[in-house]
């Protein structure tokens, strides 16, 4: 069980996961404000759009936003898995730990595909 917790948690400590969730939320909020500000303050056509999102700074910002999204989602999905996939909950058998590990592995796989696809689109 301890190995499962070490494998699946960011740190195994609630405070660190809490701080990570808040930091990633701030990053995503700032990124959203920059993008909304761009659309609100410009007459956007294809050339303007391409120049803005094609700039090195926005590529870096978009990559950071993708990483923040993945970190934010992972803490949330890990919390859901550890809170709700337990023996006795929802009629789950004693093998709930195996179900939780499979759930977390599926979350990691989906996030990896999302990350690779996003990097392909950004760069």
PDB file of N, CA and C in Angstrom:
ATOM      1  N   UNK A   1       0.826  -1.200   0.000  1.00  0.00           N
ATOM      2  CA  UNK A   1       0.000   0.000   0.000  1.00  0.00           C
ATOM      3  C   UNK A   1       0.868   1.261   0.000  1.00  0.00           C
ATOM      4  N   UNK A   2       1.966   1.237   0.767  1.00  0.00           N
ATOM      5  CA  UNK A   2       2.830   2.409   0.820  1.00  0.00           C
ATOM      6  C   UNK A   2       3.451   2.685  -0.544  1.00  0.00           C
ATOM      7  N   UNK A   3       3.789   1.614  -1.279  1.00  0.00           N
ATOM      8  CA  UNK A   3       4.352   1.796  -2.608  1.00  0.00           C
ATOM      9  C   UNK A   3       3.343   2.443  -3.539  1.00  0.00           C
ATOM     10  N   UNK A   4       2.087   2.048  -3.421  1.00  0.00           N
ATOM     11  CA  UNK A   4       1.035   2.643  -4.242  1.00  0.00           C
ATOM     12  C   UNK A   4       0.917   4.122  -3.931  1.00  0.00           C
ATOM     13  N   UNK A   5       0.966   4.483  -2.671  1.00  0.00           N
ATOM     14  CA  UNK A   5       0.852   5.886  -2.288  1.00  0.00           C
ATOM     15  C   UNK A   5       2.056   6.686  -2.802  1.00  0.00           C
ATOM     16  N   UNK A   6       3.267   6.109  -2.718  1.00  0.00           N
ATOM     17  CA  UNK A   6       4.443   6.815  -3.212  1.00  0.00           C
ATOM     18  C   UNK A   6       4.395   6.972  -4.720  1.00  0.00           C
ATOM     19  N   UNK A   7       3.915   5.936  -5.412  1.00  0.00           N
ATOM     20  CA  UNK A   7       3.836   5.978  -6.870  1.00  0.00           C
ATOM     21  C   UNK A   7       2.815   6.993  -7.334  1.00  0.00           C
ATOM     22  N   UNK A   8       1.682   7.040  -6.665  1.00  0.00           N
ATOM     23  CA  UNK A   8       0.553   7.779  -7.205  1.00  0.00           C
ATOM     24  C   UNK A   8       0.442   9.207  -6.712  1.00  0.00           C
ATOM     25  N   UNK A   9       0.998   9.526  -5.564  1.00  0.00           N
ATOM     26  CA  UNK A   9       0.881  10.885  -5.061  1.00  0.00           C
ATOM     27  C   UNK A   9       2.014  11.747  -5.570  1.00  0.00           C
ATOM     28  N   UNK A  10       1.771  13.030  -5.681  1.00  0.00           N
ATOM     29  CA  UNK A  10       2.830  13.947  -6.076  1.00  0.00           C
ATOM     30  C   UNK A  10       3.932  13.893  -5.028  1.00  0.00           C
ATOM     31  N   UNK A  11       3.551  14.025  -3.798  1.00  0.00           N
ATOM     32  CA  UNK A  11       4.548  14.054  -2.741  1.00  0.00           C
ATOM     33  C   UNK A  11       4.196  13.122  -1.590  1.00  0.00           C
ATOM     34  N   UNK A  12       2.964  12.679  -1.544  1.00  0.00           N
ATOM     35  CA  UNK A  12       2.532  11.908  -0.389  1.00  0.00           C
ATOM     36  C   UNK A  12       2.186  12.805   0.785  1.00  0.00           C
ATOM     37  N   UNK A  13       2.301  14.117   0.599  1.00  0.00           N
ATOM     38  CA  UNK A  13       1.990  15.064   1.657  1.00  0.00           C
ATOM     39  C   UNK A  13       0.913  16.005   1.154  1.00  0.00           C
ATOM     40  N   UNK A  14      -0.124  16.147   1.908  1.00  0.00           N
ATOM     41  CA  UNK A  14      -1.257  16.955   1.498  1.00  0.00           C
ATOM     42  C   UNK A  14      -0.936  18.420   1.282  1.00  0.00           C
ATOM     43  N   UNK A  15      -0.051  18.984   2.095  1.00  0.00           N
ATOM     44  CA  UNK A  15       0.253  20.404   1.992  1.00  0.00           C
ATOM     45  C   UNK A  15       0.929  20.705   0.657  1.00  0.00           C
ATOM     46  N   UNK A  16       1.866  19.875   0.253  1.00  0.00           N
ATOM     47  CA  UNK A  16       2.564  20.100  -1.016  1.00  0.00           C
ATOM     48  C   UNK A  16       1.596  19.998  -2.179  1.00  0.00           C
ATOM     49  N   UNK A  17       0.724  19.005  -2.144  1.00  0.00           N
ATOM     50  CA  UNK A  17      -0.271  18.858  -3.209  1.00  0.00           C
ATOM     51  C   UNK A  17      -1.225  20.053  -3.231  1.00  0.00           C
ATOM     52  N   UNK A  18      -1.610  20.539  -2.056  1.00  0.00           N
ATOM     53  CA  UNK A  18      -2.475  21.708  -1.949  1.00  0.00           C
ATOM     54  C   UNK A  18      -1.808  22.933  -2.580  1.00  0.00           C
ATOM     55  N   UNK A  19      -0.540  23.147  -2.255  1.00  0.00           N
ATOM     56  CA  UNK A  19       0.192  24.296  -2.794  1.00  0.00           C
ATOM     57  C   UNK A  19       0.346  24.146  -4.306  1.00  0.00           C
ATOM     58  N   UNK A  20       0.672  22.944  -4.783  1.00  0.00           N
ATOM     59  CA  UNK A  20       0.806  22.713  -6.222  1.00  0.00           C
ATOM     60  C   UNK A  20      -0.504  23.033  -6.941  1.00  0.00           C
ATOM     61  N   UNK A  21      -1.608  22.613  -6.369  1.00  0.00           N
ATOM     62  CA  UNK A  21      -2.916  22.886  -6.975  1.00  0.00           C
ATOM     63  C   UNK A  21      -3.151  24.397  -7.077  1.00  0.00           C
ATOM     64  N   UNK A  22      -2.791  25.141  -6.048  1.00  0.00           N
ATOM     65  CA  UNK A  22      -3.014  26.592  -6.053  1.00  0.00           C
ATOM     66  C   UNK A  22      -2.061  27.306  -7.001  1.00  0.00           C
ATOM     67  N   UNK A  23      -0.805  26.891  -7.039  1.00  0.00           N
ATOM     68  CA  UNK A  23       0.173  27.516  -7.940  1.00  0.00           C
ATOM     69  C   UNK A  23      -0.231  27.284  -9.390  1.00  0.00           C
ATOM     70  N   UNK A  24      -0.623  26.062  -9.722  1.00  0.00           N
ATOM     71  CA  UNK A  24      -1.047  25.792 -11.101  1.00  0.00           C
ATOM     72  C   UNK A  24      -2.304  26.578 -11.450  1.00  0.00           C
ATOM     73  N   UNK A  25      -3.193  26.768 -10.489  1.00  0.00           N
ATOM     74  CA  UNK A  25      -4.392  27.577 -10.746  1.00  0.00           C
ATOM     75  C   UNK A  25      -4.023  29.023 -11.056  1.00  0.00           C
ATOM     76  N   UNK A  26      -3.042  29.568 -10.351  1.00  0.00           N
ATOM     77  CA  UNK A  26      -2.589  30.938 -10.607  1.00  0.00           C
ATOM     78  C   UNK A  26      -1.964  31.034 -12.000  1.00  0.00           C
ATOM     79  N   UNK A  27      -1.138  30.060 -12.361  1.00  0.00           N
ATOM     80  CA  UNK A  27      -0.521  30.047 -13.694  1.00  0.00           C
ATOM     81  C   UNK A  27      -1.591  30.025 -14.773  1.00  0.00           C
ATOM     82  N   UNK A  28      -2.580  29.164 -14.609  1.00  0.00           N
ATOM     83  CA  UNK A  28      -3.653  29.063 -15.606  1.00  0.00           C
ATOM     84  C   UNK A  28      -4.492  30.336 -15.665  1.00  0.00           C
ATOM     85  N   UNK A  29      -4.714  30.966 -14.535  1.00  0.00           N
ATOM     86  CA  UNK A  29      -5.459  32.226 -14.513  1.00  0.00           C
ATOM     87  C   UNK A  29      -4.688  33.315 -15.261  1.00  0.00           C
ATOM     88  N   UNK A  30      -3.398  33.421 -14.999  1.00  0.00           N
ATOM     89  CA  UNK A  30      -2.586  34.433 -15.686  1.00  0.00           C
ATOM     90  C   UNK A  30      -2.551  34.177 -17.195  1.00  0.00           C
ATOM     91  N   UNK A  31      -2.402  32.931 -17.590  1.00  0.00           N
ATOM     92  CA  UNK A  31      -2.390  32.598 -19.013  1.00  0.00           C
ATOM     93  C   UNK A  31      -3.724  32.968 -19.658  1.00  0.00           C
ATOM     94  N   UNK A  32      -4.802  32.648 -18.975  1.00  0.00           N
ATOM     95  CA  UNK A  32      -6.133  32.986 -19.489  1.00  0.00           C
ATOM     96  C   UNK A  32      -6.297  34.491 -19.636  1.00  0.00           C
ATOM     97  N   UNK A  33      -5.832  35.254 -18.663  1.00  0.00           N
ATOM     98  CA  UNK A  33      -5.930  36.717 -18.738  1.00  0.00           C
ATOM     99  C   UNK A  33      -5.132  37.268 -19.920  1.00  0.00           C
ATOM    100  N   UNK A  34      -3.960  36.706 -20.180  1.00  0.00           N
ATOM    101  CA  UNK A  34      -3.147  37.156 -21.319  1.00  0.00           C
ATOM    102  C   UNK A  34      -3.883  36.872 -22.627  1.00  0.00           C
ATOM    103  N   UNK A  35      -4.430  35.662 -22.757  1.00  0.00           N
ATOM    104  CA  UNK A  35      -5.120  35.293 -24.003  1.00  0.00           C
ATOM    105  C   UNK A  35      -6.393  36.119 -24.180  1.00  0.00           C
ATOM    106  N   UNK A  36      -7.179  36.277 -23.124  1.00  0.00           N
ATOM    107  CA  UNK A  36      -8.398  37.081 -23.204  1.00  0.00           C
ATOM    108  C   UNK A  36      -8.040  38.535 -23.510  1.00  0.00           C
ATOM    109  N   UNK A  37      -6.984  39.047 -22.882  1.00  0.00           N
ATOM    110  CA  UNK A  37      -6.532  40.409 -23.155  1.00  0.00           C
ATOM    111  C   UNK A  37      -6.131  40.593 -24.606  1.00  0.00           C
ATOM    112  N   UNK A  38      -5.479  39.597 -25.173  1.00  0.00           N
ATOM    113  CA  UNK A  38      -5.105  39.659 -26.583  1.00  0.00           C
ATOM    114  C   UNK A  38      -6.339  39.778 -27.467  1.00  0.00           C
ATOM    115  N   UNK A  39      -7.321  38.928 -27.238  1.00  0.00           N
ATOM    116  CA  UNK A  39      -8.524  38.960 -28.066  1.00  0.00           C
ATOM    117  C   UNK A  39      -9.348  40.224 -27.828  1.00  0.00           C
ATOM    118  N   UNK A  40      -9.344  40.717 -26.598  1.00  0.00           N
ATOM    119  CA  UNK A  40     -10.135  41.913 -26.285  1.00  0.00           C
ATOM    120  C   UNK A  40      -9.513  43.192 -26.846  1.00  0.00           C
ATOM    121  N   UNK A  41      -8.195  43.216 -26.992  1.00  0.00           N
ATOM    122  CA  UNK A  41      -7.543  44.459 -27.393  1.00  0.00           C
ATOM    123  C   UNK A  41      -7.091  44.490 -28.852  1.00  0.00           C
ATOM    124  N   UNK A  42      -7.395  43.463 -29.604  1.00  0.00           N
ATOM    125  CA  UNK A  42      -6.950  43.411 -31.003  1.00  0.00           C
ATOM    126  C   UNK A  42      -8.102  43.063 -31.934  1.00  0.00           C
ATOM    127  N   UNK A  43      -8.001  43.577 -33.134  1.00  0.00           N
ATOM    128  CA  UNK A  43      -8.859  43.131 -34.221  1.00  0.00           C
ATOM    129  C   UNK A  43      -8.144  41.896 -34.762  1.00  0.00           C
ATOM    130  N   UNK A  44      -8.634  40.732 -34.410  1.00  0.00           N
ATOM    131  CA  UNK A  44      -7.888  39.504 -34.683  1.00  0.00           C
ATOM    132  C   UNK A  44      -8.223  38.968 -36.071  1.00  0.00           C
ATOM    133  N   UNK A  45      -7.188  38.844 -36.863  1.00  0.00           N
ATOM    134  CA  UNK A  45      -7.287  38.128 -38.120  1.00  0.00           C
ATOM    135  C   UNK A  45      -6.247  36.997 -38.057  1.00  0.00           C
ATOM    136  N   UNK A  46      -6.152  36.236 -39.113  1.00  0.00           N
ATOM    137  CA  UNK A  46      -5.268  35.077 -39.088  1.00  0.00           C
ATOM    138  C   UNK A  46      -3.813  35.478 -38.862  1.00  0.00           C
ATOM    139  N   UNK A  47      -3.356  36.523 -39.508  1.00  0.00           N
ATOM    140  CA  UNK A  47      -1.961  36.931 -39.377  1.00  0.00           C
ATOM    141  C   UNK A  47      -1.636  37.373 -37.949  1.00  0.00           C
ATOM    142  N   UNK A  48      -2.546  38.131 -37.349  1.00  0.00           N
ATOM    143  CA  UNK A  48      -2.339  38.583 -35.968  1.00  0.00           C
ATOM    144  C   UNK A  48      -2.336  37.397 -35.012  1.00  0.00           C
ATOM    145  N   UNK A  49      -3.295  36.502 -35.214  1.00  0.00           N
ATOM    146  CA  UNK A  49      -3.399  35.305 -34.389  1.00  0.00           C
ATOM    147  C   UNK A  49      -2.129  34.470 -34.499  1.00  0.00           C
ATOM    148  N   UNK A  50      -1.688  34.239 -35.726  1.00  0.00           N
ATOM    149  CA  UNK A  50      -0.496  33.429 -35.956  1.00  0.00           C
ATOM    150  C   UNK A  50       0.755  34.092 -35.377  1.00  0.00           C
ATOM    151  N   UNK A  51       0.871  35.381 -35.520  1.00  0.00           N
ATOM    152  CA  UNK A  51       2.028  36.094 -34.972  1.00  0.00           C
ATOM    153  C   UNK A  51       2.051  36.025 -33.446  1.00  0.00           C
ATOM    154  N   UNK A  52       0.886  36.187 -32.826  1.00  0.00           N
ATOM    155  CA  UNK A  52       0.816  36.162 -31.367  1.00  0.00           C
ATOM    156  C   UNK A  52       1.142  34.778 -30.823  1.00  0.00           C
ATOM    157  N   UNK A  53       0.421  33.759 -31.289  1.00  0.00           N
ATOM    158  CA  UNK A  53       0.632  32.415 -30.756  1.00  0.00           C
ATOM    159  C   UNK A  53       1.872  31.743 -31.330  1.00  0.00           C
ATOM    160  N   UNK A  54       2.414  32.266 -32.416  1.00  0.00           N
ATOM    161  CA  UNK A  54       3.635  31.729 -32.990  1.00  0.00           C
ATOM    162  C   UNK A  54       4.899  32.312 -32.394  1.00  0.00           C
ATOM    163  N   UNK A  55       4.742  33.349 -31.581  1.00  0.00           N
ATOM    164  CA  UNK A  55       5.920  33.954 -30.952  1.00  0.00           C
ATOM    165  C   UNK A  55       6.514  32.982 -29.925  1.00  0.00           C
ATOM    166  N   UNK A  56       7.818  33.101 -29.742  1.00  0.00           N
ATOM    167  CA  UNK A  56       8.512  32.217 -28.799  1.00  0.00           C
ATOM    168  C   UNK A  56       7.949  32.348 -27.388  1.00  0.00           C
ATOM    169  N   UNK A  57       7.663  33.577 -26.979  1.00  0.00           N
ATOM    170  CA  UNK A  57       7.136  33.807 -25.623  1.00  0.00           C
ATOM    171  C   UNK A  57       5.798  33.091 -25.416  1.00  0.00           C
ATOM    172  N   UNK A  58       4.913  33.147 -26.407  1.00  0.00           N
ATOM    173  CA  UNK A  58       3.618  32.476 -26.254  1.00  0.00           C
ATOM    174  C   UNK A  58       3.749  30.963 -26.357  1.00  0.00           C
ATOM    175  N   UNK A  59       4.714  30.491 -27.135  1.00  0.00           N
ATOM    176  CA  UNK A  59       4.943  29.049 -27.177  1.00  0.00           C
ATOM    177  C   UNK A  59       5.410  28.544 -25.814  1.00  0.00           C
ATOM    178  N   UNK A  60       6.310  29.291 -25.189  1.00  0.00           N
ATOM    179  CA  UNK A  60       6.776  28.925 -23.848  1.00  0.00           C
ATOM    180  C   UNK A  60       5.620  29.029 -22.848  1.00  0.00           C
ATOM    181  N   UNK A  61       4.869  30.129 -22.916  1.00  0.00           N
ATOM    182  CA  UNK A  61       3.732  30.317 -22.000  1.00  0.00           C
ATOM    183  C   UNK A  61       2.690  29.217 -22.190  1.00  0.00           C
ATOM    184  N   UNK A  62       2.436  28.844 -23.418  1.00  0.00           N
ATOM    185  CA  UNK A  62       1.459  27.778 -23.691  1.00  0.00           C
ATOM    186  C   UNK A  62       1.953  26.437 -23.169  1.00  0.00           C
ATOM    187  N   UNK A  63       3.241  26.171 -23.313  1.00  0.00           N
ATOM    188  CA  UNK A  63       3.807  24.927 -22.784  1.00  0.00           C
ATOM    189  C   UNK A  63       3.706  24.901 -21.263  1.00  0.00           C
ATOM    190  N   UNK A  64       4.024  26.020 -20.626  1.00  0.00           N
ATOM    191  CA  UNK A  64       3.896  26.108 -19.165  1.00  0.00           C
ATOM    192  C   UNK A  64       2.432  25.916 -18.758  1.00  0.00           C
ATOM    193  N   UNK A  65       1.515  26.499 -19.522  1.00  0.00           N
ATOM    194  CA  UNK A  65       0.086  26.344 -19.213  1.00  0.00           C
ATOM    195  C   UNK A  65      -0.356  24.890 -19.364  1.00  0.00           C
ATOM    196  N   UNK A  66       0.161  24.194 -20.359  1.00  0.00           N
ATOM    197  CA  UNK A  66      -0.168  22.781 -20.527  1.00  0.00           C
ATOM    198  C   UNK A  66       0.364  21.973 -19.348  1.00  0.00           C
ATOM    199  N   UNK A  67       1.606  22.235 -18.958  1.00  0.00           N
ATOM    200  CA  UNK A  67       2.169  21.535 -17.796  1.00  0.00           C
ATOM    201  C   UNK A  67       1.383  21.851 -16.525  1.00  0.00           C
ATOM    202  N   UNK A  68       0.962  23.101 -16.373  1.00  0.00           N
ATOM    203  CA  UNK A  68       0.150  23.478 -15.211  1.00  0.00           C
ATOM    204  C   UNK A  68      -1.196  22.765 -15.240  1.00  0.00           C
ATOM    205  N   UNK A  69      -1.776  22.648 -16.428  1.00  0.00           N
ATOM    206  CA  UNK A  69      -3.051  21.930 -16.560  1.00  0.00           C
ATOM    207  C   UNK A  69      -2.893  20.481 -16.139  1.00  0.00           C
ATOM    208  N   UNK A  70      -1.815  19.860 -16.583  1.00  0.00           N
ATOM    209  CA  UNK A  70      -1.581  18.457 -16.240  1.00  0.00           C
ATOM    210  C   UNK A  70      -1.327  18.308 -14.740  1.00  0.00           C
ATOM    211  N   UNK A  71      -0.506  19.179 -14.166  1.00  0.00           N
ATOM    212  CA  UNK A  71      -0.263  19.115 -12.720  1.00  0.00           C
ATOM    213  C   UNK A  71      -1.526  19.340 -11.920  1.00  0.00           C
ATOM    214  N   UNK A  72      -2.317  20.307 -12.337  1.00  0.00           N
ATOM    215  CA  UNK A  72      -3.576  20.615 -11.658  1.00  0.00           C
ATOM    216  C   UNK A  72      -4.539  19.437 -11.755  1.00  0.00           C
ATOM    217  N   UNK A  73      -4.644  18.886 -12.946  1.00  0.00           N
ATOM    218  CA  UNK A  73      -5.555  17.752 -13.152  1.00  0.00           C
ATOM    219  C   UNK A  73      -5.082  16.528 -12.380  1.00  0.00           C
ATOM    220  N   UNK A  74      -3.776  16.296 -12.346  1.00  0.00           N
ATOM    221  CA  UNK A  74      -3.284  15.105 -11.661  1.00  0.00           C
ATOM    222  C   UNK A  74      -3.614  15.148 -10.169  1.00  0.00           C
ATOM    223  N   UNK A  75      -3.388  16.286  -9.525  1.00  0.00           N
ATOM    224  CA  UNK A  75      -3.705  16.377  -8.099  1.00  0.00           C
ATOM    225  C   UNK A  75      -5.199  16.117  -7.884  1.00  0.00           C
ATOM    226  N   UNK A  76      -6.029  16.692  -8.731  1.00  0.00           N
ATOM    227  CA  UNK A  76      -7.472  16.468  -8.603  1.00  0.00           C
ATOM    228  C   UNK A  76      -7.865  15.030  -8.848  1.00  0.00           C
ATOM    229  N   UNK A  77      -7.323  14.426  -9.897  1.00  0.00           N
ATOM    230  CA  UNK A  77      -7.677  13.041 -10.212  1.00  0.00           C
ATOM    231  C   UNK A  77      -7.128  12.079  -9.160  1.00  0.00           C
ATOM    232  N   UNK A  78      -5.930  12.343  -8.654  1.00  0.00           N
ATOM    233  CA  UNK A  78      -5.366  11.510  -7.599  1.00  0.00           C
ATOM    234  C   UNK A  78      -6.242  11.584  -6.348  1.00  0.00           C
ATOM    235  N   UNK A  79      -6.694  12.791  -6.024  1.00  0.00           N
ATOM    236  CA  UNK A  79      -7.553  12.964  -4.852  1.00  0.00           C
ATOM    237  C   UNK A  79      -8.865  12.204  -5.018  1.00  0.00           C
ATOM    238  N   UNK A  80      -9.462  12.306  -6.192  1.00  0.00           N
ATOM    239  CA  UNK A  80     -10.704  11.573  -6.455  1.00  0.00           C
ATOM    240  C   UNK A  80     -10.467  10.074  -6.311  1.00  0.00           C
ATOM    241  N   UNK A  81      -9.377   9.590  -6.897  1.00  0.00           N
ATOM    242  CA  UNK A  81      -9.078   8.158  -6.818  1.00  0.00           C
ATOM    243  C   UNK A  81      -8.869   7.676  -5.403  1.00  0.00           C
ATOM    244  N   UNK A  82      -8.114   8.421  -4.605  1.00  0.00           N
ATOM    245  CA  UNK A  82      -7.854   7.978  -3.242  1.00  0.00           C
ATOM    246  C   UNK A  82      -9.061   8.167  -2.326  1.00  0.00           C
ATOM    247  N   UNK A  83      -9.912   9.129  -2.638  1.00  0.00           N
ATOM    248  CA  UNK A  83     -11.096   9.349  -1.802  1.00  0.00           C
ATOM    249  C   UNK A  83     -12.216   8.361  -2.104  1.00  0.00           C
ATOM    250  N   UNK A  84     -12.410   8.037  -3.369  1.00  0.00           N
ATOM    251  CA  UNK A  84     -13.606   7.293  -3.760  1.00  0.00           C
ATOM    252  C   UNK A  84     -13.366   5.861  -4.207  1.00  0.00           C
ATOM    253  N   UNK A  85     -12.138   5.492  -4.509  1.00  0.00           N
ATOM    254  CA  UNK A  85     -11.882   4.107  -4.914  1.00  0.00           C
ATOM    255  C   UNK A  85     -11.189   3.414  -3.744  1.00  0.00           C
ATOM    256  N   UNK A  86     -12.006   2.948  -2.826  1.00  0.00           N
ATOM    257  CA  UNK A  86     -11.539   2.283  -1.617  1.00  0.00           C
ATOM    258  C   UNK A  86     -12.387   1.050  -1.372  1.00  0.00           C
ATOM    259  N   UNK A  87     -11.825   0.046  -0.672  1.00  0.00           N
ATOM    260  CA  UNK A  87     -12.644  -1.117  -0.321  1.00  0.00           C
ATOM    261  C   UNK A  87     -13.872  -0.683   0.478  1.00  0.00           C
ATOM    262  N   UNK A  88     -15.008  -1.174   0.095  1.00  0.00           N
ATOM    263  CA  UNK A  88     -16.241  -0.850   0.801  1.00  0.00           C
ATOM    264  C   UNK A  88     -17.024   0.294   0.198  1.00  0.00           C
ATOM    265  N   UNK A  89     -16.341   1.193  -0.524  1.00  0.00           N
ATOM    266  CA  UNK A  89     -17.065   2.276  -1.204  1.00  0.00           C
ATOM    267  C   UNK A  89     -17.664   1.740  -2.485  1.00  0.00           C
ATOM    268  N   UNK A  90     -18.878   2.116  -2.768  1.00  0.00           N
ATOM    269  CA  UNK A  90     -19.556   1.756  -4.003  1.00  0.00           C
ATOM    270  C   UNK A  90     -19.621   0.244  -4.205  1.00  0.00           C
ATOM    271  N   UNK A  91     -19.512  -0.487  -3.121  1.00  0.00           N
ATOM    272  CA  UNK A  91     -19.561  -1.931  -3.227  1.00  0.00           C
ATOM    273  C   UNK A  91     -18.302  -2.540  -3.816  1.00  0.00           C
ATOM    274  N   UNK A  92     -17.196  -1.796  -3.775  1.00  0.00           N
ATOM    275  CA  UNK A  92     -15.951  -2.309  -4.337  1.00  0.00           C
ATOM    276  C   UNK A  92     -15.402  -3.427  -3.471  1.00  0.00           C
ATOM    277  N   UNK A  93     -14.812  -4.415  -4.103  1.00  0.00           N
ATOM    278  CA  UNK A  93     -14.219  -5.516  -3.336  1.00  0.00           C
ATOM    279  C   UNK A  93     -12.899  -5.087  -2.702  1.00  0.00           C
ATOM    280  N   UNK A  94     -12.273  -6.043  -2.033  1.00  0.00           N
ATOM    281  CA  UNK A  94     -10.992  -5.765  -1.389  1.00  0.00           C
ATOM    282  C   UNK A  94      -9.894  -5.425  -2.395  1.00  0.00           C
ATOM    283  N   UNK A  95     -10.151  -5.663  -3.668  1.00  0.00           N
ATOM    284  CA  UNK A  95      -9.147  -5.363  -4.691  1.00  0.00           C
ATOM    285  C   UNK A  95      -9.243  -3.913  -5.168  1.00  0.00           C
ATOM    286  N   UNK A  96      -9.823  -3.070  -4.365  1.00  0.00           N
ATOM    287  CA  UNK A  96      -9.986  -1.659  -4.750  1.00  0.00           C
ATOM    288  C   UNK A  96      -8.641  -0.986  -5.005  1.00  0.00           C
ATOM    289  N   UNK A  97      -7.590  -1.419  -4.297  1.00  0.00           N
ATOM    290  CA  UNK A  97      -6.268  -0.831  -4.539  1.00  0.00           C
ATOM    291  C   UNK A  97      -5.824  -1.081  -5.972  1.00  0.00           C
ATOM    292  N   UNK A  98      -6.083  -2.263  -6.492  1.00  0.00           N
ATOM    293  CA  UNK A  98      -5.720  -2.581  -7.879  1.00  0.00           C
ATOM    294  C   UNK A  98      -6.550  -1.747  -8.851  1.00  0.00           C
ATOM    295  N   UNK A  99      -7.813  -1.548  -8.535  1.00  0.00           N
ATOM    296  CA  UNK A  99      -8.678  -0.724  -9.380  1.00  0.00           C
ATOM    297  C   UNK A  99      -8.181   0.719  -9.379  1.00  0.00           C
ATOM    298  N   UNK A 100      -7.778   1.211  -8.193  1.00  0.00           N
ATOM    299  CA  UNK A 100      -7.282   2.584  -8.091  1.00  0.00           C
ATOM    300  C   UNK A 100      -5.986   2.761  -8.878  1.00  0.00           C
ATOM    301  N   UNK A 101      -5.090   1.789  -8.809  1.00  0.00           N
ATOM    302  CA  UNK A 101      -3.835   1.881  -9.563  1.00  0.00           C
ATOM    303  C   UNK A 101      -4.130   1.881 -11.063  1.00  0.00           C
ATOM    304  N   UNK A 102      -5.079   1.050 -11.503  1.00  0.00           N
ATOM    305  CA  UNK A 102      -5.449   1.029 -12.928  1.00  0.00           C
ATOM    306  C   UNK A 102      -6.055   2.367 -13.336  1.00  0.00           C
ATOM    307  N   UNK A 103      -6.899   2.927 -12.484  1.00  0.00           N
ATOM    308  CA  UNK A 103      -7.500   4.240 -12.738  1.00  0.00           C
ATOM    309  C   UNK A 103      -6.414   5.309 -12.862  1.00  0.00           C
ATOM    310  N   UNK A 104      -5.464   5.290 -11.942  1.00  0.00           N
ATOM    311  CA  UNK A 104      -4.402   6.285 -11.964  1.00  0.00           C
ATOM    312  C   UNK A 104      -3.481   6.098 -13.170  1.00  0.00           C
ATOM    313  N   UNK A 105      -3.233   4.850 -13.543  1.00  0.00           N
ATOM    314  CA  UNK A 105      -2.427   4.585 -14.737  1.00  0.00           C
ATOM    315  C   UNK A 105      -3.143   5.104 -15.985  1.00  0.00           C
ATOM    316  N   UNK A 106      -4.465   4.916 -16.043  1.00  0.00           N
ATOM    317  CA  UNK A 106      -5.243   5.437 -17.173  1.00  0.00           C
ATOM    318  C   UNK A 106      -5.185   6.958 -17.203  1.00  0.00           C
ATOM    319  N   UNK A 107      -5.272   7.599 -16.038  1.00  0.00           N
ATOM    320  CA  UNK A 107      -5.166   9.070 -15.974  1.00  0.00           C
ATOM    321  C   UNK A 107      -3.809   9.525 -16.480  1.00  0.00           C
ATOM    322  N   UNK A 108      -2.741   8.839 -16.071  1.00  0.00           N
ATOM    323  CA  UNK A 108      -1.393   9.201 -16.519  1.00  0.00           C
ATOM    324  C   UNK A 108      -1.274   9.032 -18.027  1.00  0.00           C
ATOM    325  N   UNK A 109      -1.815   7.942 -18.563  1.00  0.00           N
ATOM    326  CA  UNK A 109      -1.742   7.699 -20.002  1.00  0.00           C
ATOM    327  C   UNK A 109      -2.488   8.783 -20.780  1.00  0.00           C
ATOM    328  N   UNK A 110      -3.669   9.143 -20.315  1.00  0.00           N
ATOM    329  CA  UNK A 110      -4.455  10.182 -20.986  1.00  0.00           C
ATOM    330  C   UNK A 110      -3.727  11.520 -20.931  1.00  0.00           C
ATOM    331  N   UNK A 111      -3.147  11.839 -19.773  1.00  0.00           N
ATOM    332  CA  UNK A 111      -2.417  13.102 -19.643  1.00  0.00           C
ATOM    333  C   UNK A 111      -1.161  13.115 -20.499  1.00  0.00           C
ATOM    334  N   UNK A 112      -0.494  11.977 -20.656  1.00  0.00           N
ATOM    335  CA  UNK A 112       0.695  11.895 -21.508  1.00  0.00           C
ATOM    336  C   UNK A 112       0.320  12.137 -22.965  1.00  0.00           C
ATOM    337  N   UNK A 113      -0.782  11.535 -23.403  1.00  0.00           N
ATOM    338  CA  UNK A 113      -1.247  11.755 -24.780  1.00  0.00           C
ATOM    339  C   UNK A 113      -1.611  13.225 -24.971  1.00  0.00           C
ATOM    340  N   UNK A 114      -2.316  13.790 -24.013  1.00  0.00           N
ATOM    341  CA  UNK A 114      -2.683  15.213 -24.064  1.00  0.00           C
ATOM    342  C   UNK A 114      -1.434  16.082 -24.169  1.00  0.00           C
ATOM    343  N   UNK A 115      -0.432  15.799 -23.356  1.00  0.00           N
ATOM    344  CA  UNK A 115       0.798  16.590 -23.356  1.00  0.00           C
ATOM    345  C   UNK A 115       1.518  16.495 -24.696  1.00  0.00           C
ATOM    346  N   UNK A 116       1.672  15.286 -25.213  1.00  0.00           N
ATOM    347  CA  UNK A 116       2.371  15.107 -26.488  1.00  0.00           C
ATOM    348  C   UNK A 116       1.620  15.765 -27.637  1.00  0.00           C
ATOM    349  N   UNK A 117       0.300  15.622 -27.649  1.00  0.00           N
ATOM    350  CA  UNK A 117      -0.504  16.258 -28.695  1.00  0.00           C
ATOM    351  C   UNK A 117      -0.392  17.782 -28.603  1.00  0.00           C
ATOM    352  N   UNK A 118      -0.443  18.314 -27.392  1.00  0.00           N
ATOM    353  CA  UNK A 118      -0.349  19.765 -27.191  1.00  0.00           C
ATOM    354  C   UNK A 118       1.014  20.283 -27.637  1.00  0.00           C
ATOM    355  N   UNK A 119       2.080  19.563 -27.289  1.00  0.00           N
ATOM    356  CA  UNK A 119       3.405  19.991 -27.729  1.00  0.00           C
ATOM    357  C   UNK A 119       3.520  19.985 -29.240  1.00  0.00           C
ATOM    358  N   UNK A 120       2.922  18.989 -29.864  1.00  0.00           N
ATOM    359  CA  UNK A 120       2.929  18.931 -31.336  1.00  0.00           C
ATOM    360  C   UNK A 120       2.197  20.138 -31.916  1.00  0.00           C
ATOM    361  N   UNK A 121       1.090  20.510 -31.319  1.00  0.00           N
ATOM    362  CA  UNK A 121       0.307  21.654 -31.814  1.00  0.00           C
ATOM    363  C   UNK A 121       1.025  22.972 -31.553  1.00  0.00           C
ATOM    364  N   UNK A 122       1.697  23.094 -30.418  1.00  0.00           N
ATOM    365  CA  UNK A 122       2.342  24.351 -30.043  1.00  0.00           C
ATOM    366  C   UNK A 122       3.634  24.565 -30.824  1.00  0.00           C
ATOM    367  N   UNK A 123       4.456  23.559 -30.893  1.00  0.00           N
ATOM    368  CA  UNK A 123       5.788  23.724 -31.476  1.00  0.00           C
ATOM    369  C   UNK A 123       5.824  23.231 -32.901  1.00  0.00           C
TER     370      UNK A 123
END
